[in-house]
Structures are given as C-alpha cells and as structure tokens.
C-alpha cells in the first residue's frame, strides 16, 4: 500500500520468512482478540498516503467485531484531508471538538446546564 515499501528498511518485510513472525507478533490488527475493549475512537483521513485509510477501516471493523462489551468502537473519517499537514483551521477545530466530545461521553463527564455560571 502506497508508502509502505519505504518502511521495509526500518521494520522488515512480511515477505521475508525470517521477519514475518516478528511483524505478526506486534501487528495491532492481528493482536485483536475477543475481549472487553475500552471506548475507542479510530481516526483517519480519506486521502492519507502515509497511513492508508483502508488499514484504519479494517482495524476499526475488527475491533467492533471482537468487542465483547458495550463500549463503543467508532471511526472518524476526515474527508478531503491527508496525513495532517495543511488542514484548514475549521477542519482542525471540528476534529478536536469530535475528539473532546468522545472523551467527555466516554468518561461520563456531566456538563453543567448553565456553563457560564
């Protein structure tokens, strides 16, 4: 997938029989098993060429499949965005608002009805 070839010198190649077991052992995707996971928000962007969004889709779907509890496993897909650089301020604000909202909800934080007083 896209830039992955450039990481072979750092991480090794799954095509190398000697390296495969090491890569498999710490693969986040392959270490997902049926259990209770905490509330999880996976974030990605539809035009990210460094971390291909397809990996995030697979990871989130597998977590959802293996979640044995009630905690949500969600994915947030930023459209018209890449790996992060050059995002307009409005997009950064929306992303941060979603992250904070997820955190507040996940931690059960009660917001005051009148936040001014």
PDB file of N, CA and C in Angstrom:
ATOM      1  N   UNK A   1       0.832  -1.184   0.000  1.00  0.00           N
ATOM      2  CA  UNK A   1       0.000   0.000   0.000  1.00  0.00           C
ATOM      3  C   UNK A   1       0.876   1.247   0.000  1.00  0.00           C
ATOM      4  N   UNK A   2       0.803   2.021  -0.994  1.00  0.00           N
ATOM      5  CA  UNK A   2       1.473   3.324  -1.152  1.00  0.00           C
ATOM      6  C   UNK A   2       2.886   3.339  -0.574  1.00  0.00           C
ATOM      7  N   UNK A   3       3.091   4.055   0.516  1.00  0.00           N
ATOM      8  CA  UNK A   3       4.433   4.339   1.026  1.00  0.00           C
ATOM      9  C   UNK A   3       5.027   3.182   1.832  1.00  0.00           C
ATOM     10  N   UNK A   4       4.296   2.122   2.070  1.00  0.00           N
ATOM     11  CA  UNK A   4       4.774   1.010   2.892  1.00  0.00           C
ATOM     12  C   UNK A   4       6.108   0.431   2.475  1.00  0.00           C
ATOM     13  N   UNK A   5       6.403   0.448   1.199  1.00  0.00           N
ATOM     14  CA  UNK A   5       7.684  -0.085   0.722  1.00  0.00           C
ATOM     15  C   UNK A   5       8.864   0.629   1.369  1.00  0.00           C
ATOM     16  N   UNK A   6       8.676   1.905   1.711  1.00  0.00           N
ATOM     17  CA  UNK A   6       9.771   2.690   2.276  1.00  0.00           C
ATOM     18  C   UNK A   6      10.075   2.306   3.724  1.00  0.00           C
ATOM     19  N   UNK A   7       9.189   1.581   4.357  1.00  0.00           N
ATOM     20  CA  UNK A   7       9.379   1.211   5.758  1.00  0.00           C
ATOM     21  C   UNK A   7      10.121  -0.111   5.922  1.00  0.00           C
ATOM     22  N   UNK A   8      10.340  -0.825   4.829  1.00  0.00           N
ATOM     23  CA  UNK A   8      10.957  -2.151   4.903  1.00  0.00           C
ATOM     24  C   UNK A   8      12.332  -2.091   5.565  1.00  0.00           C
ATOM     25  N   UNK A   9      13.106  -1.056   5.288  1.00  0.00           N
ATOM     26  CA  UNK A   9      14.439  -0.967   5.900  1.00  0.00           C
ATOM     27  C   UNK A   9      14.357  -0.755   7.413  1.00  0.00           C
ATOM     28  N   UNK A  10      13.263  -0.163   7.894  1.00  0.00           N
ATOM     29  CA  UNK A  10      13.085   0.058   9.334  1.00  0.00           C
ATOM     30  C   UNK A  10      12.436  -1.131  10.036  1.00  0.00           C
ATOM     31  N   UNK A  11      11.413  -1.699   9.410  1.00  0.00           N
ATOM     32  CA  UNK A  11      10.582  -2.699  10.079  1.00  0.00           C
ATOM     33  C   UNK A  11      10.741  -4.112   9.543  1.00  0.00           C
ATOM     34  N   UNK A  12      11.306  -4.265   8.383  1.00  0.00           N
ATOM     35  CA  UNK A  12      11.390  -5.575   7.761  1.00  0.00           C
ATOM     36  C   UNK A  12      10.216  -5.790   6.827  1.00  0.00           C
ATOM     37  N   UNK A  13      10.261  -6.906   6.121  1.00  0.00           N
ATOM     38  CA  UNK A  13       9.221  -7.222   5.145  1.00  0.00           C
ATOM     39  C   UNK A  13       8.487  -8.495   5.545  1.00  0.00           C
ATOM     40  N   UNK A  14       7.170  -8.466   5.431  1.00  0.00           N
ATOM     41  CA  UNK A  14       6.372  -9.664   5.699  1.00  0.00           C
ATOM     42  C   UNK A  14       6.650 -10.741   4.663  1.00  0.00           C
ATOM     43  N   UNK A  15       7.244 -10.375   3.551  1.00  0.00           N
ATOM     44  CA  UNK A  15       7.623 -11.359   2.530  1.00  0.00           C
ATOM     45  C   UNK A  15       8.879 -12.142   2.923  1.00  0.00           C
ATOM     46  N   UNK A  16       9.601 -11.652   3.919  1.00  0.00           N
ATOM     47  CA  UNK A  16      10.811 -12.322   4.400  1.00  0.00           C
ATOM     48  C   UNK A  16      10.410 -13.325   5.484  1.00  0.00           C
ATOM     49  N   UNK A  17      10.597 -14.624   5.249  1.00  0.00           N
ATOM     50  CA  UNK A  17      10.181 -15.642   6.225  1.00  0.00           C
ATOM     51  C   UNK A  17      10.791 -15.439   7.613  1.00  0.00           C
ATOM     52  N   UNK A  18      11.973 -14.842   7.679  1.00  0.00           N
ATOM     53  CA  UNK A  18      12.596 -14.599   8.981  1.00  0.00           C
ATOM     54  C   UNK A  18      11.905 -13.453   9.728  1.00  0.00           C
ATOM     55  N   UNK A  19      11.456 -12.444   9.001  1.00  0.00           N
ATOM     56  CA  UNK A  19      10.853 -11.259   9.618  1.00  0.00           C
ATOM     57  C   UNK A  19       9.366 -11.423   9.919  1.00  0.00           C
ATOM     58  N   UNK A  20       8.691 -12.257   9.139  1.00  0.00           N
ATOM     59  CA  UNK A  20       7.241 -12.378   9.272  1.00  0.00           C
ATOM     60  C   UNK A  20       6.779 -12.626  10.707  1.00  0.00           C
ATOM     61  N   UNK A  21       7.360 -13.582  11.445  1.00  0.00           N
ATOM     62  CA  UNK A  21       6.867 -13.825  12.808  1.00  0.00           C
ATOM     63  C   UNK A  21       6.995 -12.606  13.721  1.00  0.00           C
ATOM     64  N   UNK A  22       8.048 -11.825  13.533  1.00  0.00           N
ATOM     65  CA  UNK A  22       8.227 -10.625  14.352  1.00  0.00           C
ATOM     66  C   UNK A  22       7.160  -9.580  14.023  1.00  0.00           C
ATOM     67  N   UNK A  23       6.947  -9.357  12.754  1.00  0.00           N
ATOM     68  CA  UNK A  23       5.936  -8.388  12.330  1.00  0.00           C
ATOM     69  C   UNK A  23       4.545  -8.813  12.781  1.00  0.00           C
ATOM     70  N   UNK A  24       4.257 -10.076  12.630  1.00  0.00           N
ATOM     71  CA  UNK A  24       2.950 -10.611  13.018  1.00  0.00           C
ATOM     72  C   UNK A  24       2.732 -10.462  14.524  1.00  0.00           C
ATOM     73  N   UNK A  25       3.795 -10.676  15.302  1.00  0.00           N
ATOM     74  CA  UNK A  25       3.683 -10.637  16.762  1.00  0.00           C
ATOM     75  C   UNK A  25       3.268  -9.265  17.289  1.00  0.00           C
ATOM     76  N   UNK A  26       3.695  -8.191  16.630  1.00  0.00           N
ATOM     77  CA  UNK A  26       3.298  -6.872  17.134  1.00  0.00           C
ATOM     78  C   UNK A  26       2.326  -6.130  16.213  1.00  0.00           C
ATOM     79  N   UNK A  27       1.748  -6.842  15.286  1.00  0.00           N
ATOM     80  CA  UNK A  27       0.742  -6.248  14.412  1.00  0.00           C
ATOM     81  C   UNK A  27      -0.502  -5.886  15.226  1.00  0.00           C
ATOM     82  N   UNK A  28      -0.873  -4.609  15.281  1.00  0.00           N
ATOM     83  CA  UNK A  28      -2.076  -4.236  16.032  1.00  0.00           C
ATOM     84  C   UNK A  28      -3.312  -4.997  15.561  1.00  0.00           C
ATOM     85  N   UNK A  29      -3.470  -5.143  14.269  1.00  0.00           N
ATOM     86  CA  UNK A  29      -4.645  -5.829  13.724  1.00  0.00           C
ATOM     87  C   UNK A  29      -4.680  -7.289  14.153  1.00  0.00           C
ATOM     88  N   UNK A  30      -3.560  -7.962  14.059  1.00  0.00           N
ATOM     89  CA  UNK A  30      -3.522  -9.391  14.354  1.00  0.00           C
ATOM     90  C   UNK A  30      -3.506  -9.694  15.847  1.00  0.00           C
ATOM     91  N   UNK A  31      -3.403  -8.681  16.678  1.00  0.00           N
ATOM     92  CA  UNK A  31      -3.459  -8.874  18.123  1.00  0.00           C
ATOM     93  C   UNK A  31      -4.815  -8.510  18.712  1.00  0.00           C
ATOM     94  N   UNK A  32      -5.798  -8.311  17.874  1.00  0.00           N
ATOM     95  CA  UNK A  32      -7.160  -8.057  18.351  1.00  0.00           C
ATOM     96  C   UNK A  32      -7.839  -9.409  18.545  1.00  0.00           C
ATOM     97  N   UNK A  33      -8.307  -9.629  19.771  1.00  0.00           N
ATOM     98  CA  UNK A  33      -8.975 -10.884  20.108  1.00  0.00           C
ATOM     99  C   UNK A  33     -10.268 -10.558  20.839  1.00  0.00           C
ATOM    100  N   UNK A  34     -11.200 -11.499  20.919  1.00  0.00           N
ATOM    101  CA  UNK A  34     -12.443 -11.232  21.641  1.00  0.00           C
ATOM    102  C   UNK A  34     -12.157 -10.877  23.106  1.00  0.00           C
ATOM    103  N   UNK A  35     -12.521  -9.686  23.503  1.00  0.00           N
ATOM    104  CA  UNK A  35     -12.379  -9.263  24.890  1.00  0.00           C
ATOM    105  C   UNK A  35     -13.102  -7.939  25.097  1.00  0.00           C
ATOM    106  N   UNK A  36     -13.041  -7.435  26.318  1.00  0.00           N
ATOM    107  CA  UNK A  36     -13.644  -6.146  26.631  1.00  0.00           C
ATOM    108  C   UNK A  36     -12.645  -5.050  26.275  1.00  0.00           C
ATOM    109  N   UNK A  37     -13.018  -4.209  25.347  1.00  0.00           N
ATOM    110  CA  UNK A  37     -12.165  -3.087  24.966  1.00  0.00           C
ATOM    111  C   UNK A  37     -12.769  -1.804  25.519  1.00  0.00           C
ATOM    112  N   UNK A  38     -11.936  -0.822  25.833  1.00  0.00           N
ATOM    113  CA  UNK A  38     -12.461   0.462  26.296  1.00  0.00           C
ATOM    114  C   UNK A  38     -13.089   1.215  25.129  1.00  0.00           C
ATOM    115  N   UNK A  39     -13.805   2.290  25.415  1.00  0.00           N
ATOM    116  CA  UNK A  39     -14.298   3.120  24.317  1.00  0.00           C
ATOM    117  C   UNK A  39     -13.119   3.519  23.422  1.00  0.00           C
ATOM    118  N   UNK A  40     -13.302   3.352  22.136  1.00  0.00           N
ATOM    119  CA  UNK A  40     -12.203   3.565  21.193  1.00  0.00           C
ATOM    120  C   UNK A  40     -12.669   4.417  20.025  1.00  0.00           C
ATOM    121  N   UNK A  41     -11.879   5.424  19.703  1.00  0.00           N
ATOM    122  CA  UNK A  41     -12.132   6.262  18.534  1.00  0.00           C
ATOM    123  C   UNK A  41     -10.923   6.156  17.615  1.00  0.00           C
ATOM    124  N   UNK A  42     -11.111   5.553  16.469  1.00  0.00           N
ATOM    125  CA  UNK A  42     -10.068   5.440  15.451  1.00  0.00           C
ATOM    126  C   UNK A  42     -10.253   6.619  14.504  1.00  0.00           C
ATOM    127  N   UNK A  43      -9.172   7.321  14.199  1.00  0.00           N
ATOM    128  CA  UNK A  43      -9.277   8.463  13.287  1.00  0.00           C
ATOM    129  C   UNK A  43      -8.437   8.216  12.041  1.00  0.00           C
ATOM    130  N   UNK A  44      -8.938   8.697  10.921  1.00  0.00           N
ATOM    131  CA  UNK A  44      -8.220   8.571   9.658  1.00  0.00           C
ATOM    132  C   UNK A  44      -8.682   9.679   8.718  1.00  0.00           C
ATOM    133  N   UNK A  45      -8.018   9.766   7.597  1.00  0.00           N
ATOM    134  CA  UNK A  45      -8.399  10.735   6.563  1.00  0.00           C
ATOM    135  C   UNK A  45      -8.461  10.015   5.224  1.00  0.00           C
ATOM    136  N   UNK A  46      -9.407  10.412   4.415  1.00  0.00           N
ATOM    137  CA  UNK A  46      -9.658   9.673   3.168  1.00  0.00           C
ATOM    138  C   UNK A  46      -8.554   9.808   2.121  1.00  0.00           C
ATOM    139  N   UNK A  47      -7.669  10.787   2.260  1.00  0.00           N
ATOM    140  CA  UNK A  47      -6.589  10.954   1.285  1.00  0.00           C
ATOM    141  C   UNK A  47      -5.204  10.819   1.930  1.00  0.00           C
ATOM    142  N   UNK A  48      -5.127  10.112   3.048  1.00  0.00           N
ATOM    143  CA  UNK A  48      -3.846   9.924   3.731  1.00  0.00           C
ATOM    144  C   UNK A  48      -2.999   8.936   2.944  1.00  0.00           C
ATOM    145  N   UNK A  49      -1.845   9.388   2.469  1.00  0.00           N
ATOM    146  CA  UNK A  49      -0.977   8.487   1.707  1.00  0.00           C
ATOM    147  C   UNK A  49       0.173   7.949   2.559  1.00  0.00           C
ATOM    148  N   UNK A  50       0.207   8.302   3.826  1.00  0.00           N
ATOM    149  CA  UNK A  50       1.211   7.776   4.755  1.00  0.00           C
ATOM    150  C   UNK A  50       0.649   6.592   5.540  1.00  0.00           C
ATOM    151  N   UNK A  51      -0.561   6.752   6.026  1.00  0.00           N
ATOM    152  CA  UNK A  51      -1.260   5.683   6.743  1.00  0.00           C
ATOM    153  C   UNK A  51      -2.552   5.454   5.970  1.00  0.00           C
ATOM    154  N   UNK A  52      -2.530   4.489   5.098  1.00  0.00           N
ATOM    155  CA  UNK A  52      -3.643   4.250   4.178  1.00  0.00           C
ATOM    156  C   UNK A  52      -4.933   4.028   4.975  1.00  0.00           C
ATOM    157  N   UNK A  53      -6.008   4.768   4.671  1.00  0.00           N
ATOM    158  CA  UNK A  53      -7.245   4.654   5.433  1.00  0.00           C
ATOM    159  C   UNK A  53      -7.806   3.235   5.486  1.00  0.00           C
ATOM    160  N   UNK A  54      -7.535   2.436   4.470  1.00  0.00           N
ATOM    161  CA  UNK A  54      -8.029   1.061   4.477  1.00  0.00           C
ATOM    162  C   UNK A  54      -7.581   0.285   5.698  1.00  0.00           C
ATOM    163  N   UNK A  55      -6.381   0.591   6.207  1.00  0.00           N
ATOM    164  CA  UNK A  55      -5.899  -0.082   7.416  1.00  0.00           C
ATOM    165  C   UNK A  55      -6.752   0.317   8.620  1.00  0.00           C
ATOM    166  N   UNK A  56      -7.108   1.589   8.696  1.00  0.00           N
ATOM    167  CA  UNK A  56      -7.964   2.053   9.794  1.00  0.00           C
ATOM    168  C   UNK A  56      -9.349   1.430   9.706  1.00  0.00           C
ATOM    169  N   UNK A  57      -9.873   1.308   8.488  1.00  0.00           N
ATOM    170  CA  UNK A  57     -11.191   0.678   8.310  1.00  0.00           C
ATOM    171  C   UNK A  57     -11.159  -0.758   8.818  1.00  0.00           C
ATOM    172  N   UNK A  58     -10.137  -1.504   8.410  1.00  0.00           N
ATOM    173  CA  UNK A  58     -10.006  -2.906   8.828  1.00  0.00           C
ATOM    174  C   UNK A  58      -9.832  -3.009  10.341  1.00  0.00           C
ATOM    175  N   UNK A  59      -9.002  -2.138  10.905  1.00  0.00           N
ATOM    176  CA  UNK A  59      -8.732  -2.165  12.338  1.00  0.00           C
ATOM    177  C   UNK A  59     -10.005  -1.883  13.135  1.00  0.00           C
ATOM    178  N   UNK A  60     -10.727  -0.839  12.758  1.00  0.00           N
ATOM    179  CA  UNK A  60     -11.964  -0.487  13.463  1.00  0.00           C
ATOM    180  C   UNK A  60     -13.005  -1.590  13.320  1.00  0.00           C
ATOM    181  N   UNK A  61     -13.139  -2.144  12.132  1.00  0.00           N
ATOM    182  CA  UNK A  61     -14.117  -3.220  11.914  1.00  0.00           C
ATOM    183  C   UNK A  61     -13.778  -4.441  12.758  1.00  0.00           C
ATOM    184  N   UNK A  62     -12.499  -4.773  12.835  1.00  0.00           N
ATOM    185  CA  UNK A  62     -12.089  -5.937  13.640  1.00  0.00           C
ATOM    186  C   UNK A  62     -12.334  -5.675  15.122  1.00  0.00           C
ATOM    187  N   UNK A  63     -12.029  -4.472  15.592  1.00  0.00           N
ATOM    188  CA  UNK A  63     -12.312  -4.135  16.989  1.00  0.00           C
ATOM    189  C   UNK A  63     -13.805  -4.226  17.279  1.00  0.00           C
ATOM    190  N   UNK A  64     -14.624  -3.721  16.365  1.00  0.00           N
ATOM    191  CA  UNK A  64     -16.072  -3.802  16.550  1.00  0.00           C
ATOM    192  C   UNK A  64     -16.526  -5.252  16.615  1.00  0.00           C
ATOM    193  N   UNK A  65     -15.966  -6.077  15.747  1.00  0.00           N
ATOM    194  CA  UNK A  65     -16.334  -7.493  15.709  1.00  0.00           C
ATOM    195  C   UNK A  65     -15.927  -8.209  16.995  1.00  0.00           C
ATOM    196  N   UNK A  66     -14.791  -7.863  17.550  1.00  0.00           N
ATOM    197  CA  UNK A  66     -14.246  -8.570  18.708  1.00  0.00           C
ATOM    198  C   UNK A  66     -14.632  -7.942  20.049  1.00  0.00           C
ATOM    199  N   UNK A  67     -15.312  -6.794  20.008  1.00  0.00           N
ATOM    200  CA  UNK A  67     -15.729  -6.127  21.238  1.00  0.00           C
ATOM    201  C   UNK A  67     -16.744  -6.989  21.970  1.00  0.00           C
ATOM    202  N   UNK A  68     -16.416  -7.403  23.183  1.00  0.00           N
ATOM    203  CA  UNK A  68     -17.310  -8.253  23.966  1.00  0.00           C
ATOM    204  C   UNK A  68     -18.157  -7.433  24.941  1.00  0.00           C
ATOM    205  N   UNK A  69     -17.912  -6.147  25.018  1.00  0.00           N
ATOM    206  CA  UNK A  69     -18.656  -5.300  25.940  1.00  0.00           C
ATOM    207  C   UNK A  69     -19.532  -4.307  25.208  1.00  0.00           C
ATOM    208  N   UNK A  70     -19.967  -3.312  25.956  1.00  0.00           N
ATOM    209  CA  UNK A  70     -20.869  -2.295  25.419  1.00  0.00           C
ATOM    210  C   UNK A  70     -20.157  -1.008  25.005  1.00  0.00           C
ATOM    211  N   UNK A  71     -18.879  -0.894  25.304  1.00  0.00           N
ATOM    212  CA  UNK A  71     -18.155   0.335  24.972  1.00  0.00           C
ATOM    213  C   UNK A  71     -18.098   0.512  23.455  1.00  0.00           C
ATOM    214  N   UNK A  72     -18.309   1.732  22.994  1.00  0.00           N
ATOM    215  CA  UNK A  72     -18.317   1.957  21.543  1.00  0.00           C
ATOM    216  C   UNK A  72     -16.924   1.857  20.926  1.00  0.00           C
ATOM    217  N   UNK A  73     -16.898   1.377  19.715  1.00  0.00           N
ATOM    218  CA  UNK A  73     -15.697   1.412  18.878  1.00  0.00           C
ATOM    219  C   UNK A  73     -16.120   2.151  17.617  1.00  0.00           C
ATOM    220  N   UNK A  74     -15.630   3.367  17.468  1.00  0.00           N
ATOM    221  CA  UNK A  74     -16.061   4.238  16.377  1.00  0.00           C
ATOM    222  C   UNK A  74     -14.882   4.594  15.484  1.00  0.00           C
ATOM    223  N   UNK A  75     -15.198   5.004  14.278  1.00  0.00           N
ATOM    224  CA  UNK A  75     -14.167   5.504  13.373  1.00  0.00           C
ATOM    225  C   UNK A  75     -14.609   6.872  12.856  1.00  0.00           C
ATOM    226  N   UNK A  76     -13.665   7.804  12.866  1.00  0.00           N
ATOM    227  CA  UNK A  76     -13.920   9.145  12.338  1.00  0.00           C
ATOM    228  C   UNK A  76     -13.072   9.295  11.086  1.00  0.00           C
ATOM    229  N   UNK A  77     -13.718   9.535   9.965  1.00  0.00           N
ATOM    230  CA  UNK A  77     -13.032   9.646   8.685  1.00  0.00           C
ATOM    231  C   UNK A  77     -13.114  11.093   8.213  1.00  0.00           C
ATOM    232  N   UNK A  78     -11.984  11.764   8.228  1.00  0.00           N
ATOM    233  CA  UNK A  78     -11.943  13.143   7.736  1.00  0.00           C
ATOM    234  C   UNK A  78     -11.911  13.103   6.216  1.00  0.00           C
ATOM    235  N   UNK A  79     -12.846  13.777   5.600  1.00  0.00           N
ATOM    236  CA  UNK A  79     -12.878  13.809   4.136  1.00  0.00           C
ATOM    237  C   UNK A  79     -12.069  14.993   3.620  1.00  0.00           C
ATOM    238  N   UNK A  80     -11.592  14.857   2.391  1.00  0.00           N
ATOM    239  CA  UNK A  80     -10.795  15.894   1.740  1.00  0.00           C
ATOM    240  C   UNK A  80      -9.568  16.266   2.576  1.00  0.00           C
ATOM    241  N   UNK A  81      -8.935  15.250   3.181  1.00  0.00           N
ATOM    242  CA  UNK A  81      -7.769  15.502   4.027  1.00  0.00           C
ATOM    243  C   UNK A  81      -6.739  14.395   3.838  1.00  0.00           C
ATOM    244  N   UNK A  82      -5.504  14.733   4.169  1.00  0.00           N
ATOM    245  CA  UNK A  82      -4.420  13.768   4.062  1.00  0.00           C
ATOM    246  C   UNK A  82      -3.866  13.409   5.422  1.00  0.00           C
ATOM    247  N   UNK A  83      -2.540  13.408   5.546  1.00  0.00           N
ATOM    248  CA  UNK A  83      -1.883  12.944   6.764  1.00  0.00           C
ATOM    249  C   UNK A  83      -1.885  13.993   7.873  1.00  0.00           C
ATOM    250  N   UNK A  84      -2.354  15.162   7.621  1.00  0.00           N
ATOM    251  CA  UNK A  84      -2.470  16.154   8.684  1.00  0.00           C
ATOM    252  C   UNK A  84      -1.987  17.536   8.314  1.00  0.00           C
ATOM    253  N   UNK A  85      -0.922  17.635   7.561  1.00  0.00           N
ATOM    254  CA  UNK A  85      -0.388  18.939   7.217  1.00  0.00           C
ATOM    255  C   UNK A  85      -1.304  19.704   6.279  1.00  0.00           C
ATOM    256  N   UNK A  86      -1.409  20.996   6.494  1.00  0.00           N
ATOM    257  CA  UNK A  86      -2.171  21.842   5.595  1.00  0.00           C
ATOM    258  C   UNK A  86      -3.671  21.832   5.802  1.00  0.00           C
ATOM    259  N   UNK A  87      -4.133  21.279   6.916  1.00  0.00           N
ATOM    260  CA  UNK A  87      -5.578  21.301   7.179  1.00  0.00           C
ATOM    261  C   UNK A  87      -6.016  22.724   7.475  1.00  0.00           C
ATOM    262  N   UNK A  88      -7.169  23.114   6.955  1.00  0.00           N
ATOM    263  CA  UNK A  88      -7.694  24.430   7.323  1.00  0.00           C
ATOM    264  C   UNK A  88      -8.078  24.440   8.808  1.00  0.00           C
ATOM    265  N   UNK A  89      -8.019  25.600   9.407  1.00  0.00           N
ATOM    266  CA  UNK A  89      -8.323  25.740  10.829  1.00  0.00           C
ATOM    267  C   UNK A  89      -9.691  25.181  11.172  1.00  0.00           C
ATOM    268  N   UNK A  90     -10.674  25.404  10.321  1.00  0.00           N
ATOM    269  CA  UNK A  90     -12.028  24.908  10.599  1.00  0.00           C
ATOM    270  C   UNK A  90     -12.045  23.383  10.712  1.00  0.00           C
ATOM    271  N   UNK A  91     -11.253  22.717   9.897  1.00  0.00           N
ATOM    272  CA  UNK A  91     -11.191  21.256   9.931  1.00  0.00           C
ATOM    273  C   UNK A  91     -10.516  20.770  11.221  1.00  0.00           C
ATOM    274  N   UNK A  92      -9.475  21.465  11.634  1.00  0.00           N
ATOM    275  CA  UNK A  92      -8.779  21.120  12.878  1.00  0.00           C
ATOM    276  C   UNK A  92      -9.720  21.296  14.063  1.00  0.00           C
ATOM    277  N   UNK A  93     -10.479  22.377  14.074  1.00  0.00           N
ATOM    278  CA  UNK A  93     -11.425  22.642  15.162  1.00  0.00           C
ATOM    279  C   UNK A  93     -12.493  21.555  15.217  1.00  0.00           C
ATOM    280  N   UNK A  94     -13.050  21.184  14.078  1.00  0.00           N
ATOM    281  CA  UNK A  94     -14.071  20.127  14.046  1.00  0.00           C
ATOM    282  C   UNK A  94     -13.515  18.805  14.560  1.00  0.00           C
ATOM    283  N   UNK A  95     -12.313  18.471  14.134  1.00  0.00           N
ATOM    284  CA  UNK A  95     -11.693  17.215  14.565  1.00  0.00           C
ATOM    285  C   UNK A  95     -11.464  17.210  16.077  1.00  0.00           C
ATOM    286  N   UNK A  96     -10.926  18.312  16.596  1.00  0.00           N
ATOM    287  CA  UNK A  96     -10.677  18.385  18.035  1.00  0.00           C
ATOM    288  C   UNK A  96     -11.984  18.369  18.827  1.00  0.00           C
ATOM    289  N   UNK A  97     -13.009  19.034  18.325  1.00  0.00           N
ATOM    290  CA  UNK A  97     -14.312  19.021  19.002  1.00  0.00           C
ATOM    291  C   UNK A  97     -14.858  17.598  19.075  1.00  0.00           C
ATOM    292  N   UNK A  98     -14.729  16.845  17.990  1.00  0.00           N
ATOM    293  CA  UNK A  98     -15.196  15.454  17.994  1.00  0.00           C
ATOM    294  C   UNK A  98     -14.404  14.606  18.981  1.00  0.00           C
ATOM    295  N   UNK A  99     -13.101  14.809  19.048  1.00  0.00           N
ATOM    296  CA  UNK A  99     -12.271  14.043  19.990  1.00  0.00           C
ATOM    297  C   UNK A  99     -12.647  14.358  21.434  1.00  0.00           C
ATOM    298  N   UNK A 100     -12.811  15.649  21.724  1.00  0.00           N
ATOM    299  CA  UNK A 100     -13.190  16.036  23.081  1.00  0.00           C
ATOM    300  C   UNK A 100     -14.585  15.518  23.430  1.00  0.00           C
ATOM    301  N   UNK A 101     -15.511  15.599  22.497  1.00  0.00           N
ATOM    302  CA  UNK A 101     -16.871  15.101  22.751  1.00  0.00           C
ATOM    303  C   UNK A 101     -16.845  13.601  23.033  1.00  0.00           C
ATOM    304  N   UNK A 102     -16.056  12.855  22.269  1.00  0.00           N
ATOM    305  CA  UNK A 102     -15.930  11.419  22.501  1.00  0.00           C
ATOM    306  C   UNK A 102     -15.355  11.156  23.890  1.00  0.00           C
ATOM    307  N   UNK A 103     -14.333  11.906  24.265  1.00  0.00           N
ATOM    308  CA  UNK A 103     -13.706  11.737  25.572  1.00  0.00           C
ATOM    309  C   UNK A 103     -14.681  12.059  26.705  1.00  0.00           C
ATOM    310  N   UNK A 104     -15.379  13.174  26.594  1.00  0.00           N
ATOM    311  CA  UNK A 104     -16.345  13.575  27.617  1.00  0.00           C
ATOM    312  C   UNK A 104     -17.424  12.506  27.776  1.00  0.00           C
ATOM    313  N   UNK A 105     -17.968  12.027  26.672  1.00  0.00           N
ATOM    314  CA  UNK A 105     -19.009  10.993  26.706  1.00  0.00           C
ATOM    315  C   UNK A 105     -18.457   9.693  27.281  1.00  0.00           C
ATOM    316  N   UNK A 106     -17.267   9.299  26.845  1.00  0.00           N
ATOM    317  CA  UNK A 106     -16.674   8.038  27.294  1.00  0.00           C
ATOM    318  C   UNK A 106     -16.359   8.042  28.781  1.00  0.00           C
ATOM    319  N   UNK A 107     -15.963   9.195  29.306  1.00  0.00           N
ATOM    320  CA  UNK A 107     -15.642   9.297  30.725  1.00  0.00           C
ATOM    321  C   UNK A 107     -16.865   9.594  31.581  1.00  0.00           C
ATOM    322  N   UNK A 108     -18.008   9.815  30.945  1.00  0.00           N
ATOM    323  CA  UNK A 108     -19.236  10.082  31.685  1.00  0.00           C
ATOM    324  C   UNK A 108     -19.236  11.433  32.374  1.00  0.00           C
ATOM    325  N   UNK A 109     -18.529  12.379  31.813  1.00  0.00           N
ATOM    326  CA  UNK A 109     -18.454  13.710  32.410  1.00  0.00           C
ATOM    327  C   UNK A 109     -19.778  14.428  32.185  1.00  0.00           C
ATOM    328  N   UNK A 110     -20.346  14.927  33.263  1.00  0.00           N
ATOM    329  CA  UNK A 110     -21.598  15.673  33.185  1.00  0.00           C
ATOM    330  C   UNK A 110     -21.280  17.145  32.959  1.00  0.00           C
ATOM    331  N   UNK A 111     -21.842  17.694  31.921  1.00  0.00           N
ATOM    332  CA  UNK A 111     -21.634  19.107  31.632  1.00  0.00           C
ATOM    333  C   UNK A 111     -22.699  19.919  32.368  1.00  0.00           C
ATOM    334  N   UNK A 112     -22.316  21.064  32.922  1.00  0.00           N
ATOM    335  CA  UNK A 112     -23.310  21.896  33.603  1.00  0.00           C
ATOM    336  C   UNK A 112     -24.341  22.415  32.607  1.00  0.00           C
ATOM    337  N   UNK A 113     -25.574  22.545  33.092  1.00  0.00           N
ATOM    338  CA  UNK A 113     -26.628  23.043  32.206  1.00  0.00           C
ATOM    339  C   UNK A 113     -26.395  24.500  31.836  1.00  0.00           C
ATOM    340  N   UNK A 114     -25.834  25.261  32.763  1.00  0.00           N
ATOM    341  CA  UNK A 114     -25.524  26.663  32.507  1.00  0.00           C
ATOM    342  C   UNK A 114     -24.017  26.842  32.684  1.00  0.00           C
ATOM    343  N   UNK A 115     -23.241  26.627  31.624  1.00  0.00           N
ATOM    344  CA  UNK A 115     -21.786  26.641  31.769  1.00  0.00           C
ATOM    345  C   UNK A 115     -21.195  28.001  32.122  1.00  0.00           C
ATOM    346  N   UNK A 116     -21.982  29.059  32.008  1.00  0.00           N
ATOM    347  CA  UNK A 116     -21.465  30.396  32.290  1.00  0.00           C
ATOM    348  C   UNK A 116     -21.386  30.641  33.791  1.00  0.00           C
ATOM    349  N   UNK A 117     -22.330  30.080  34.547  1.00  0.00           N
ATOM    350  CA  UNK A 117     -22.374  30.351  35.996  1.00  0.00           C
ATOM    351  C   UNK A 117     -21.940  29.154  36.749  1.00  0.00           C
TER     352      UNK A 117
END
